[in-house]
Structures are given as structure tokens and as C-alpha cells.
Amino acid sequence: MDDLDRQILDILRRDARTPYTEIADEVETSEGTVRNRVERMMDDDIIERFTISTRTGNVKAMLEIGVAVDVDTKAVSERMAEWEEVDFVWMVSGEQDIVLVVDAADTRGVNDLITQARDQEEVVSTKTRLILDEELG
């Protein structure tokens, strides 16, 4: 990955729907070059997926989850990723092992997810942080 790839990724992070022609103008190259580089980054799994960010009026939160030391964290993460209100699942280092970013209809929905997480036999602790505001980078 070079500087041009990073510039293209920067633009796509802000808005994944940006047309290749606009990206090409901004980074001063051709549309074909942008297209080829995006396709290569997709083939190389640098770009995993294109996604959207929403402002639904729902309650967004981060659920930080600690699991027992003998647990397959990846398996637990994959299972939690299937929960309807979960937008992202991150395996992290530090005090907690897994972070869920959730988008629930209300605080009761967030509380239900906390309960669902605590009901998992591998989970030993949870910590919740409500997301008050977010800015796209």
C-alpha cells in the first residue's frame, strides 16, 4: 500500500459512495487507476466491506465484555456478531476482551443486550458506555 492507496481509502472512509471520478479528481489521477486500486485492495482484503453509518435516533452504546482466560474469544465474538442490534464486534487488548458497538431502539434494548451478554457462560464481566455523539473521520 502506498500513499495513493491511503488517500483513496481516506475518501472512501468518509463516504463509501464517492464516485471513482470524484476520487480521481481529488487525488489527481485517472478514474481507471482508482478503480484498479480499489479492486486490488478488495482482492487483498485491505478493504473488507463497504458500509454505512446511520443516525437513527436510536440509543448507541459500546458494551465492553470480559471473558474467562480459557475461552475462544473469536468464537464468542462471531456468535455475538449475529445479534440483531450489533453493528460491530471488536476483539481488543486491555481490561476487556470484546467490544460490541450496538444500535438499539431505546435503553431497554441496550439493557436487554447487556443481559444477553451476561447470560453467556464465557462472560465474566461487562461495562457499558453510551455513545453520546459521533463524528465521521
N, C-alpha and C. Protein backbone atom coordinates (compact mmCIF):
# COMPACT_ATOMS: atom_id res chain seq x y z
N MET A 1 0.84 -1.18 0.00
CA MET A 1 0.00 0.00 0.00
C MET A 1 0.88 1.24 0.00
N ASP A 2 0.55 2.16 -0.87
CA ASP A 2 1.33 3.39 -0.94
C ASP A 2 0.45 4.59 -0.57
N ASP A 3 1.00 5.78 -0.75
CA ASP A 3 0.32 7.00 -0.36
C ASP A 3 -0.99 7.20 -1.14
N LEU A 4 -0.99 6.84 -2.42
CA LEU A 4 -2.20 7.00 -3.22
C LEU A 4 -3.31 6.08 -2.69
N ASP A 5 -2.96 4.83 -2.36
CA ASP A 5 -3.95 3.92 -1.76
C ASP A 5 -4.53 4.53 -0.48
N ARG A 6 -3.67 5.09 0.35
CA ARG A 6 -4.13 5.69 1.61
C ARG A 6 -5.07 6.88 1.36
N GLN A 7 -4.76 7.68 0.36
CA GLN A 7 -5.63 8.81 0.02
C GLN A 7 -7.00 8.31 -0.44
N ILE A 8 -7.01 7.28 -1.27
CA ILE A 8 -8.27 6.71 -1.76
C ILE A 8 -9.07 6.16 -0.59
N LEU A 9 -8.41 5.42 0.31
CA LEU A 9 -9.10 4.87 1.48
C LEU A 9 -9.67 5.97 2.36
N ASP A 10 -8.92 7.04 2.52
CA ASP A 10 -9.39 8.18 3.33
C ASP A 10 -10.72 8.72 2.79
N ILE A 11 -10.79 8.87 1.50
CA ILE A 11 -12.01 9.39 0.88
C ILE A 11 -13.16 8.39 1.05
N LEU A 12 -12.88 7.12 0.83
CA LEU A 12 -13.93 6.10 0.96
C LEU A 12 -14.39 5.93 2.40
N ARG A 13 -13.51 6.15 3.36
CA ARG A 13 -13.93 6.07 4.77
C ARG A 13 -14.95 7.16 5.10
N ARG A 14 -14.76 8.32 4.52
CA ARG A 14 -15.69 9.43 4.77
C ARG A 14 -17.03 9.20 4.08
N ASP A 15 -16.98 8.62 2.86
CA ASP A 15 -18.21 8.34 2.12
C ASP A 15 -17.91 7.24 1.11
N ALA A 16 -18.34 6.03 1.43
CA ALA A 16 -18.06 4.87 0.58
C ALA A 16 -18.77 4.95 -0.77
N ARG A 17 -19.71 5.89 -0.91
CA ARG A 17 -20.43 6.03 -2.18
C ARG A 17 -19.78 7.04 -3.11
N THR A 18 -18.64 7.60 -2.74
CA THR A 18 -17.99 8.60 -3.58
C THR A 18 -17.65 7.97 -4.94
N PRO A 19 -18.10 8.58 -6.03
CA PRO A 19 -17.79 8.03 -7.35
C PRO A 19 -16.28 8.05 -7.62
N TYR A 20 -15.84 7.04 -8.35
CA TYR A 20 -14.41 6.94 -8.68
C TYR A 20 -13.92 8.18 -9.42
N THR A 21 -14.79 8.79 -10.22
CA THR A 21 -14.38 10.00 -10.95
C THR A 21 -14.06 11.14 -9.98
N GLU A 22 -14.86 11.29 -8.92
CA GLU A 22 -14.59 12.33 -7.92
C GLU A 22 -13.31 12.03 -7.14
N ILE A 23 -13.12 10.76 -6.80
CA ILE A 23 -11.89 10.38 -6.09
C ILE A 23 -10.69 10.69 -6.98
N ALA A 24 -10.79 10.33 -8.26
CA ALA A 24 -9.68 10.56 -9.19
C ALA A 24 -9.34 12.05 -9.27
N ASP A 25 -10.36 12.90 -9.34
CA ASP A 25 -10.12 14.35 -9.37
C ASP A 25 -9.41 14.81 -8.10
N GLU A 26 -9.87 14.30 -6.96
CA GLU A 26 -9.30 14.75 -5.68
C GLU A 26 -7.85 14.30 -5.50
N VAL A 27 -7.52 13.10 -5.97
CA VAL A 27 -6.15 12.59 -5.78
C VAL A 27 -5.29 12.78 -7.02
N GLU A 28 -5.88 13.44 -8.03
CA GLU A 28 -5.16 13.81 -9.26
C GLU A 28 -4.60 12.59 -10.00
N THR A 29 -5.51 11.67 -10.30
CA THR A 29 -5.15 10.52 -11.13
C THR A 29 -6.36 10.16 -11.98
N SER A 30 -6.29 9.09 -12.71
CA SER A 30 -7.41 8.71 -13.58
C SER A 30 -8.43 7.85 -12.84
N GLU A 31 -9.65 7.84 -13.38
CA GLU A 31 -10.71 7.01 -12.81
C GLU A 31 -10.32 5.53 -12.88
N GLY A 32 -9.67 5.13 -13.97
CA GLY A 32 -9.24 3.73 -14.12
C GLY A 32 -8.23 3.32 -13.06
N THR A 33 -7.33 4.23 -12.73
CA THR A 33 -6.35 3.95 -11.68
C THR A 33 -7.04 3.74 -10.34
N VAL A 34 -8.01 4.61 -10.02
CA VAL A 34 -8.76 4.49 -8.77
C VAL A 34 -9.50 3.15 -8.75
N ARG A 35 -10.20 2.84 -9.84
CA ARG A 35 -10.95 1.59 -9.93
C ARG A 35 -10.03 0.38 -9.72
N ASN A 36 -8.90 0.37 -10.42
CA ASN A 36 -7.97 -0.76 -10.30
C ASN A 36 -7.42 -0.89 -8.88
N ARG A 37 -7.11 0.23 -8.26
CA ARG A 37 -6.55 0.18 -6.91
C ARG A 37 -7.59 -0.28 -5.89
N VAL A 38 -8.84 0.18 -6.04
CA VAL A 38 -9.90 -0.26 -5.12
C VAL A 38 -10.12 -1.76 -5.30
N GLU A 39 -10.18 -2.23 -6.54
CA GLU A 39 -10.37 -3.67 -6.79
C GLU A 39 -9.22 -4.48 -6.20
N ARG A 40 -7.97 -3.98 -6.36
CA ARG A 40 -6.83 -4.69 -5.80
C ARG A 40 -6.90 -4.74 -4.28
N MET A 41 -7.28 -3.60 -3.67
CA MET A 41 -7.38 -3.57 -2.20
C MET A 41 -8.49 -4.50 -1.72
N MET A 42 -9.55 -4.65 -2.51
CA MET A 42 -10.60 -5.60 -2.16
C MET A 42 -10.07 -7.03 -2.29
N ASP A 43 -9.37 -7.33 -3.38
CA ASP A 43 -8.81 -8.67 -3.59
C ASP A 43 -7.80 -9.03 -2.50
N ASP A 44 -7.05 -8.02 -2.02
CA ASP A 44 -6.03 -8.24 -0.99
C ASP A 44 -6.61 -8.17 0.42
N ASP A 45 -7.93 -8.03 0.55
CA ASP A 45 -8.63 -7.93 1.83
C ASP A 45 -8.21 -6.72 2.66
N ILE A 46 -7.69 -5.70 2.02
CA ILE A 46 -7.44 -4.44 2.71
C ILE A 46 -8.78 -3.74 2.92
N ILE A 47 -9.60 -3.75 1.88
CA ILE A 47 -10.99 -3.30 2.01
C ILE A 47 -11.82 -4.55 2.24
N GLU A 48 -12.39 -4.64 3.44
CA GLU A 48 -13.18 -5.82 3.79
C GLU A 48 -14.61 -5.71 3.30
N ARG A 49 -15.17 -4.50 3.41
CA ARG A 49 -16.55 -4.29 3.01
C ARG A 49 -16.81 -2.79 2.95
N PHE A 50 -17.88 -2.45 2.27
CA PHE A 50 -18.37 -1.07 2.24
C PHE A 50 -19.57 -1.05 3.16
N THR A 51 -19.70 -0.01 3.98
CA THR A 51 -20.77 0.03 4.96
C THR A 51 -21.33 1.44 5.05
N ILE A 52 -22.36 1.58 5.85
CA ILE A 52 -22.95 2.90 6.04
C ILE A 52 -22.94 3.23 7.52
N SER A 53 -23.04 4.49 7.80
CA SER A 53 -23.21 4.97 9.17
C SER A 53 -24.58 5.62 9.23
N THR A 54 -25.31 5.34 10.28
CA THR A 54 -26.68 5.85 10.36
C THR A 54 -26.87 6.76 11.56
N ARG A 55 -27.85 7.59 11.47
CA ARG A 55 -28.31 8.41 12.59
C ARG A 55 -29.80 8.12 12.75
N THR A 56 -30.09 7.04 13.44
CA THR A 56 -31.46 6.54 13.51
C THR A 56 -32.27 7.17 14.62
N GLY A 57 -31.62 7.87 15.53
CA GLY A 57 -32.32 8.36 16.71
C GLY A 57 -32.36 7.30 17.79
N ASN A 58 -31.79 6.15 17.51
CA ASN A 58 -31.72 5.07 18.49
C ASN A 58 -30.64 5.37 19.52
N VAL A 59 -30.54 4.48 20.50
CA VAL A 59 -29.50 4.58 21.51
C VAL A 59 -28.33 3.73 21.04
N LYS A 60 -27.17 4.35 20.92
CA LYS A 60 -25.96 3.63 20.54
C LYS A 60 -25.09 3.48 21.78
N ALA A 61 -24.43 2.34 21.88
CA ALA A 61 -23.59 2.08 23.05
C ALA A 61 -22.46 1.16 22.68
N MET A 62 -21.44 1.16 23.54
CA MET A 62 -20.35 0.19 23.47
C MET A 62 -20.50 -0.71 24.67
N LEU A 63 -20.57 -2.00 24.44
CA LEU A 63 -20.60 -2.97 25.52
C LEU A 63 -19.22 -3.62 25.55
N GLU A 64 -18.50 -3.37 26.65
CA GLU A 64 -17.18 -3.95 26.81
C GLU A 64 -17.34 -5.23 27.60
N ILE A 65 -16.81 -6.32 27.08
CA ILE A 65 -17.06 -7.64 27.64
C ILE A 65 -15.74 -8.34 27.96
N GLY A 66 -15.66 -8.84 29.18
CA GLY A 66 -14.52 -9.65 29.59
C GLY A 66 -14.93 -11.12 29.59
N VAL A 67 -14.05 -11.96 29.08
CA VAL A 67 -14.33 -13.39 29.08
C VAL A 67 -13.26 -14.12 29.87
N ALA A 68 -13.55 -15.35 30.26
CA ALA A 68 -12.58 -16.16 31.00
C ALA A 68 -11.34 -16.40 30.15
N VAL A 69 -10.21 -16.65 30.80
CA VAL A 69 -8.93 -16.77 30.08
C VAL A 69 -8.87 -18.00 29.18
N ASP A 70 -9.64 -19.02 29.46
CA ASP A 70 -9.58 -20.25 28.67
C ASP A 70 -10.62 -20.29 27.56
N VAL A 71 -11.15 -19.14 27.18
CA VAL A 71 -12.25 -19.05 26.23
C VAL A 71 -11.73 -18.71 24.83
N ASP A 72 -12.36 -19.28 23.82
CA ASP A 72 -12.08 -18.94 22.43
C ASP A 72 -12.81 -17.63 22.12
N THR A 73 -12.09 -16.53 22.27
CA THR A 73 -12.68 -15.20 22.11
C THR A 73 -13.26 -15.00 20.72
N LYS A 74 -12.60 -15.55 19.72
CA LYS A 74 -13.09 -15.40 18.34
C LYS A 74 -14.46 -16.06 18.19
N ALA A 75 -14.64 -17.24 18.76
CA ALA A 75 -15.93 -17.93 18.65
C ALA A 75 -17.04 -17.13 19.35
N VAL A 76 -16.73 -16.59 20.52
CA VAL A 76 -17.72 -15.77 21.24
C VAL A 76 -18.04 -14.52 20.43
N SER A 77 -17.03 -13.88 19.86
CA SER A 77 -17.22 -12.67 19.05
C SER A 77 -18.10 -12.96 17.84
N GLU A 78 -17.84 -14.07 17.16
CA GLU A 78 -18.62 -14.42 15.98
C GLU A 78 -20.09 -14.66 16.34
N ARG A 79 -20.31 -15.29 17.47
CA ARG A 79 -21.69 -15.54 17.92
C ARG A 79 -22.40 -14.22 18.23
N MET A 80 -21.71 -13.32 18.93
CA MET A 80 -22.32 -12.03 19.28
C MET A 80 -22.55 -11.16 18.05
N ALA A 81 -21.73 -11.31 17.03
CA ALA A 81 -21.88 -10.52 15.81
C ALA A 81 -23.21 -10.82 15.12
N GLU A 82 -23.80 -11.95 15.41
CA GLU A 82 -25.07 -12.33 14.80
C GLU A 82 -26.27 -11.68 15.48
N TRP A 83 -26.08 -11.08 16.65
CA TRP A 83 -27.19 -10.43 17.34
C TRP A 83 -27.66 -9.24 16.53
N GLU A 84 -28.95 -9.08 16.43
CA GLU A 84 -29.56 -8.12 15.51
C GLU A 84 -29.07 -6.68 15.71
N GLU A 85 -28.97 -6.21 16.93
CA GLU A 85 -28.65 -4.81 17.18
C GLU A 85 -27.15 -4.50 17.16
N VAL A 86 -26.32 -5.51 16.93
CA VAL A 86 -24.87 -5.33 16.97
C VAL A 86 -24.38 -4.85 15.60
N ASP A 87 -23.72 -3.68 15.60
CA ASP A 87 -23.15 -3.12 14.37
C ASP A 87 -21.72 -3.62 14.14
N PHE A 88 -20.92 -3.65 15.21
CA PHE A 88 -19.52 -4.06 15.11
C PHE A 88 -19.15 -4.90 16.32
N VAL A 89 -18.23 -5.81 16.11
CA VAL A 89 -17.63 -6.57 17.21
C VAL A 89 -16.13 -6.45 17.04
N TRP A 90 -15.48 -5.96 18.09
CA TRP A 90 -14.03 -5.82 18.07
C TRP A 90 -13.44 -6.71 19.15
N MET A 91 -12.41 -7.47 18.79
CA MET A 91 -11.61 -8.16 19.81
C MET A 91 -10.48 -7.19 20.14
N VAL A 92 -10.32 -6.88 21.43
CA VAL A 92 -9.40 -5.83 21.84
C VAL A 92 -8.45 -6.33 22.92
N SER A 93 -7.38 -5.57 23.11
CA SER A 93 -6.47 -5.85 24.21
C SER A 93 -6.85 -4.94 25.37
N GLY A 94 -6.37 -5.27 26.54
CA GLY A 94 -6.64 -4.42 27.70
C GLY A 94 -7.51 -5.12 28.71
N GLU A 95 -8.21 -4.31 29.48
CA GLU A 95 -9.03 -4.82 30.57
C GLU A 95 -10.16 -5.73 30.08
N GLN A 96 -10.77 -5.38 28.97
CA GLN A 96 -11.85 -6.17 28.39
C GLN A 96 -11.33 -6.91 27.17
N ASP A 97 -12.08 -7.90 26.69
CA ASP A 97 -11.65 -8.72 25.57
C ASP A 97 -12.41 -8.46 24.28
N ILE A 98 -13.68 -8.07 24.43
CA ILE A 98 -14.56 -7.87 23.28
C ILE A 98 -15.31 -6.55 23.49
N VAL A 99 -15.48 -5.80 22.41
CA VAL A 99 -16.30 -4.60 22.45
C VAL A 99 -17.38 -4.75 21.38
N LEU A 100 -18.63 -4.60 21.80
CA LEU A 100 -19.75 -4.58 20.87
C LEU A 100 -20.18 -3.13 20.69
N VAL A 101 -20.36 -2.69 19.46
CA VAL A 101 -20.97 -1.40 19.20
C VAL A 101 -22.39 -1.73 18.77
N VAL A 102 -23.35 -1.23 19.54
CA VAL A 102 -24.74 -1.61 19.32
C VAL A 102 -25.61 -0.40 19.02
N ASP A 103 -26.70 -0.65 18.33
CA ASP A 103 -27.66 0.37 17.95
C ASP A 103 -29.03 -0.19 18.31
N ALA A 104 -29.54 0.20 19.48
CA ALA A 104 -30.81 -0.33 19.98
C ALA A 104 -31.88 0.75 19.95
N ALA A 105 -33.13 0.33 19.90
CA ALA A 105 -34.24 1.27 19.81
C ALA A 105 -34.33 2.20 21.01
N ASP A 106 -33.94 1.70 22.18
CA ASP A 106 -34.05 2.50 23.40
C ASP A 106 -33.13 1.90 24.46
N THR A 107 -33.13 2.50 25.65
CA THR A 107 -32.25 2.00 26.71
C THR A 107 -32.65 0.60 27.15
N ARG A 108 -33.92 0.27 27.06
CA ARG A 108 -34.36 -1.09 27.39
C ARG A 108 -33.69 -2.09 26.44
N GLY A 109 -33.59 -1.73 25.16
CA GLY A 109 -32.91 -2.59 24.19
C GLY A 109 -31.45 -2.77 24.53
N VAL A 110 -30.79 -1.69 24.96
CA VAL A 110 -29.38 -1.80 25.38
C VAL A 110 -29.29 -2.71 26.60
N ASN A 111 -30.18 -2.52 27.55
CA ASN A 111 -30.17 -3.35 28.75
C ASN A 111 -30.40 -4.82 28.41
N ASP A 112 -31.28 -5.10 27.46
CA ASP A 112 -31.51 -6.48 27.03
C ASP A 112 -30.25 -7.10 26.45
N LEU A 113 -29.48 -6.30 25.70
CA LEU A 113 -28.22 -6.80 25.15
C LEU A 113 -27.20 -7.08 26.25
N ILE A 114 -27.16 -6.21 27.24
CA ILE A 114 -26.26 -6.43 28.38
C ILE A 114 -26.63 -7.75 29.06
N THR A 115 -27.91 -7.96 29.28
CA THR A 115 -28.38 -9.20 29.90
C THR A 115 -28.03 -10.40 29.03
N GLN A 116 -28.24 -10.27 27.74
CA GLN A 116 -27.92 -11.36 26.81
C GLN A 116 -26.43 -11.69 26.86
N ALA A 117 -25.59 -10.66 26.94
CA ALA A 117 -24.14 -10.88 27.04
C ALA A 117 -23.80 -11.57 28.36
N ARG A 118 -24.38 -11.09 29.44
CA ARG A 118 -24.09 -11.68 30.75
C ARG A 118 -24.58 -13.11 30.87
N ASP A 119 -25.58 -13.47 30.08
CA ASP A 119 -26.10 -14.84 30.10
C ASP A 119 -25.17 -15.84 29.40
N GLN A 120 -24.18 -15.34 28.68
CA GLN A 120 -23.22 -16.23 28.02
C GLN A 120 -22.27 -16.78 29.08
N GLU A 121 -22.11 -18.09 29.11
CA GLU A 121 -21.31 -18.70 30.17
C GLU A 121 -19.85 -18.27 30.16
N GLU A 122 -19.33 -17.84 29.01
CA GLU A 122 -17.93 -17.42 28.90
C GLU A 122 -17.69 -16.02 29.47
N VAL A 123 -18.74 -15.23 29.61
CA VAL A 123 -18.61 -13.82 30.00
C VAL A 123 -18.44 -13.72 31.52
N VAL A 124 -17.39 -12.98 31.91
CA VAL A 124 -17.13 -12.79 33.35
C VAL A 124 -17.39 -11.35 33.80
N SER A 125 -17.44 -10.40 32.84
CA SER A 125 -17.71 -9.01 33.22
C SER A 125 -18.21 -8.22 32.02
N THR A 126 -18.93 -7.14 32.32
CA THR A 126 -19.36 -6.22 31.28
C THR A 126 -19.22 -4.79 31.79
N LYS A 127 -19.05 -3.90 30.86
CA LYS A 127 -19.03 -2.46 31.15
C LYS A 127 -19.70 -1.80 29.95
N THR A 128 -20.57 -0.84 30.20
CA THR A 128 -21.31 -0.23 29.12
C THR A 128 -21.04 1.27 29.07
N ARG A 129 -20.90 1.77 27.86
CA ARG A 129 -20.72 3.20 27.63
C ARG A 129 -21.73 3.63 26.57
N LEU A 130 -22.57 4.59 26.90
CA LEU A 130 -23.48 5.15 25.91
C LEU A 130 -22.70 6.08 24.98
N ILE A 131 -22.98 6.02 23.72
CA ILE A 131 -22.34 6.90 22.75
C ILE A 131 -23.22 8.13 22.63
N LEU A 132 -22.72 9.26 23.05
CA LEU A 132 -23.49 10.49 23.06
C LEU A 132 -23.51 11.19 21.71
N ASP A 133 -22.40 11.13 20.98
CA ASP A 133 -22.31 11.79 19.69
C ASP A 133 -21.18 11.15 18.93
N GLU A 134 -21.22 11.24 17.63
CA GLU A 134 -20.12 10.71 16.81
C GLU A 134 -19.88 11.62 15.63
N GLU A 135 -18.65 11.68 15.22
CA GLU A 135 -18.24 12.45 14.05
C GLU A 135 -17.51 11.49 13.13
N LEU A 136 -17.77 11.61 11.85
CA LEU A 136 -17.06 10.79 10.89
C LEU A 136 -15.68 11.36 10.66
N GLY A 137 -14.68 10.49 10.58
CA GLY A 137 -13.30 10.93 10.38
C GLY A 137 -12.93 11.03 8.95
